[in-house]
């Protein structure tokens, strides 16, 4: 998923945010289970759902100024 110059990539039990142009990892977070759907970004948060029947959310940092 792409939002404000950042790619949000869910793989197994990790959500990774990477710069869309360079691929540089900005941050990565472990989840409480394997993700079963792509991440969603809305209202300043990244959301994921897991096979453990949980939804997790992380507040996103402000996008860099051009």
C-alpha atoms as a PDB file:
ATOM      1  CA  UNK A   1       0.000   0.000   0.000  1.00  0.00           C
ATOM      2  CA  UNK A   2       1.366   3.455  -0.914  1.00  0.00           C
ATOM      3  CA  UNK A   3       0.590   6.604   1.084  1.00  0.00           C
ATOM      4  CA  UNK A   4       2.393   9.985   1.230  1.00  0.00           C
ATOM      5  CA  UNK A   5       5.627   8.661  -0.278  1.00  0.00           C
ATOM      6  CA  UNK A   6       5.762   5.579   1.933  1.00  0.00           C
ATOM      7  CA  UNK A   7       5.175   1.938   1.038  1.00  0.00           C
ATOM      8  CA  UNK A   8       3.535  -0.153   3.782  1.00  0.00           C
ATOM      9  CA  UNK A   9       4.403  -3.819   3.344  1.00  0.00           C
ATOM     10  CA  UNK A  10       2.951  -6.624   5.426  1.00  0.00           C
ATOM     11  CA  UNK A  11       4.780  -9.950   5.409  1.00  0.00           C
ATOM     12  CA  UNK A  12       4.192 -12.776   7.878  1.00  0.00           C
ATOM     13  CA  UNK A  13       4.258 -11.039  11.282  1.00  0.00           C
ATOM     14  CA  UNK A  14       5.976  -7.771  10.347  1.00  0.00           C
ATOM     15  CA  UNK A  15       4.646  -4.473   9.018  1.00  0.00           C
ATOM     16  CA  UNK A  16       7.381  -2.463   7.292  1.00  0.00           C
ATOM     17  CA  UNK A  17       7.297   1.162   6.144  1.00  0.00           C
ATOM     18  CA  UNK A  18       9.766   1.992   3.359  1.00  0.00           C
ATOM     19  CA  UNK A  19      10.540   5.095   1.319  1.00  0.00           C
ATOM     20  CA  UNK A  20       8.682   4.717  -1.987  1.00  0.00           C
ATOM     21  CA  UNK A  21      11.559   6.169  -4.035  1.00  0.00           C
ATOM     22  CA  UNK A  22      14.639   4.669  -2.397  1.00  0.00           C
ATOM     23  CA  UNK A  23      13.285   1.552  -0.695  1.00  0.00           C
ATOM     24  CA  UNK A  24      15.003   2.599   2.550  1.00  0.00           C
ATOM     25  CA  UNK A  25      13.231   1.096   5.558  1.00  0.00           C
ATOM     26  CA  UNK A  26      11.774   3.828   7.764  1.00  0.00           C
ATOM     27  CA  UNK A  27      10.471   1.504  10.466  1.00  0.00           C
ATOM     28  CA  UNK A  28       9.254  -2.052  11.052  1.00  0.00           C
ATOM     29  CA  UNK A  29       6.846  -3.407  13.680  1.00  0.00           C
ATOM     30  CA  UNK A  30       6.161  -6.975  14.763  1.00  0.00           C
ATOM     31  CA  UNK A  31       2.508  -7.968  14.974  1.00  0.00           C
ATOM     32  CA  UNK A  32       0.832 -10.414  17.322  1.00  0.00           C
ATOM     33  CA  UNK A  33       0.178 -12.837  14.468  1.00  0.00           C
ATOM     34  CA  UNK A  34       0.452 -13.427  10.736  1.00  0.00           C
ATOM     35  CA  UNK A  35      -1.343 -10.781   8.679  1.00  0.00           C
ATOM     36  CA  UNK A  36      -4.149 -12.004   6.453  1.00  0.00           C
ATOM     37  CA  UNK A  37      -4.786  -8.810   4.449  1.00  0.00           C
ATOM     38  CA  UNK A  38      -2.793  -5.849   3.139  1.00  0.00           C
ATOM     39  CA  UNK A  39      -2.285  -2.944   5.536  1.00  0.00           C
ATOM     40  CA  UNK A  40      -4.699  -0.014   5.467  1.00  0.00           C
ATOM     41  CA  UNK A  41      -3.688   3.595   6.104  1.00  0.00           C
ATOM     42  CA  UNK A  42      -6.350   6.045   7.285  1.00  0.00           C
ATOM     43  CA  UNK A  43      -6.570   9.044   9.610  1.00  0.00           C
ATOM     44  CA  UNK A  44      -2.865   9.039  10.414  1.00  0.00           C
ATOM     45  CA  UNK A  45      -2.651   5.361  11.361  1.00  0.00           C
ATOM     46  CA  UNK A  46      -1.618   2.078   9.745  1.00  0.00           C
ATOM     47  CA  UNK A  47      -4.008  -0.818  10.459  1.00  0.00           C
ATOM     48  CA  UNK A  48      -3.543  -4.560   9.995  1.00  0.00           C
ATOM     49  CA  UNK A  49      -5.667  -7.598  10.740  1.00  0.00           C
ATOM     50  CA  UNK A  50      -4.147 -10.906  11.829  1.00  0.00           C
ATOM     51  CA  UNK A  51      -5.114 -14.556  11.747  1.00  0.00           C
ATOM     52  CA  UNK A  52      -5.328 -14.277  15.551  1.00  0.00           C
ATOM     53  CA  UNK A  53      -8.534 -12.266  14.979  1.00  0.00           C
ATOM     54  CA  UNK A  54      -7.007  -9.003  16.145  1.00  0.00           C
ATOM     55  CA  UNK A  55      -6.657  -5.583  14.568  1.00  0.00           C
ATOM     56  CA  UNK A  56      -3.564  -3.550  15.376  1.00  0.00           C
ATOM     57  CA  UNK A  57      -2.927   0.129  14.646  1.00  0.00           C
ATOM     58  CA  UNK A  58       0.155   2.342  14.755  1.00  0.00           C
ATOM     59  CA  UNK A  59       0.233   6.141  14.669  1.00  0.00           C
ATOM     60  CA  UNK A  60       2.189   7.340  11.654  1.00  0.00           C
ATOM     61  CA  UNK A  61       4.821  10.059  11.766  1.00  0.00           C
ATOM     62  CA  UNK A  62       4.116  13.223   9.804  1.00  0.00           C
ATOM     63  CA  UNK A  63       5.260  12.941   6.178  1.00  0.00           C
ATOM     64  CA  UNK A  64       8.523  14.715   5.364  1.00  0.00           C
ATOM     65  CA  UNK A  65       8.241  18.230   4.008  1.00  0.00           C
ATOM     66  CA  UNK A  66       9.318  18.611   0.376  1.00  0.00           C
END
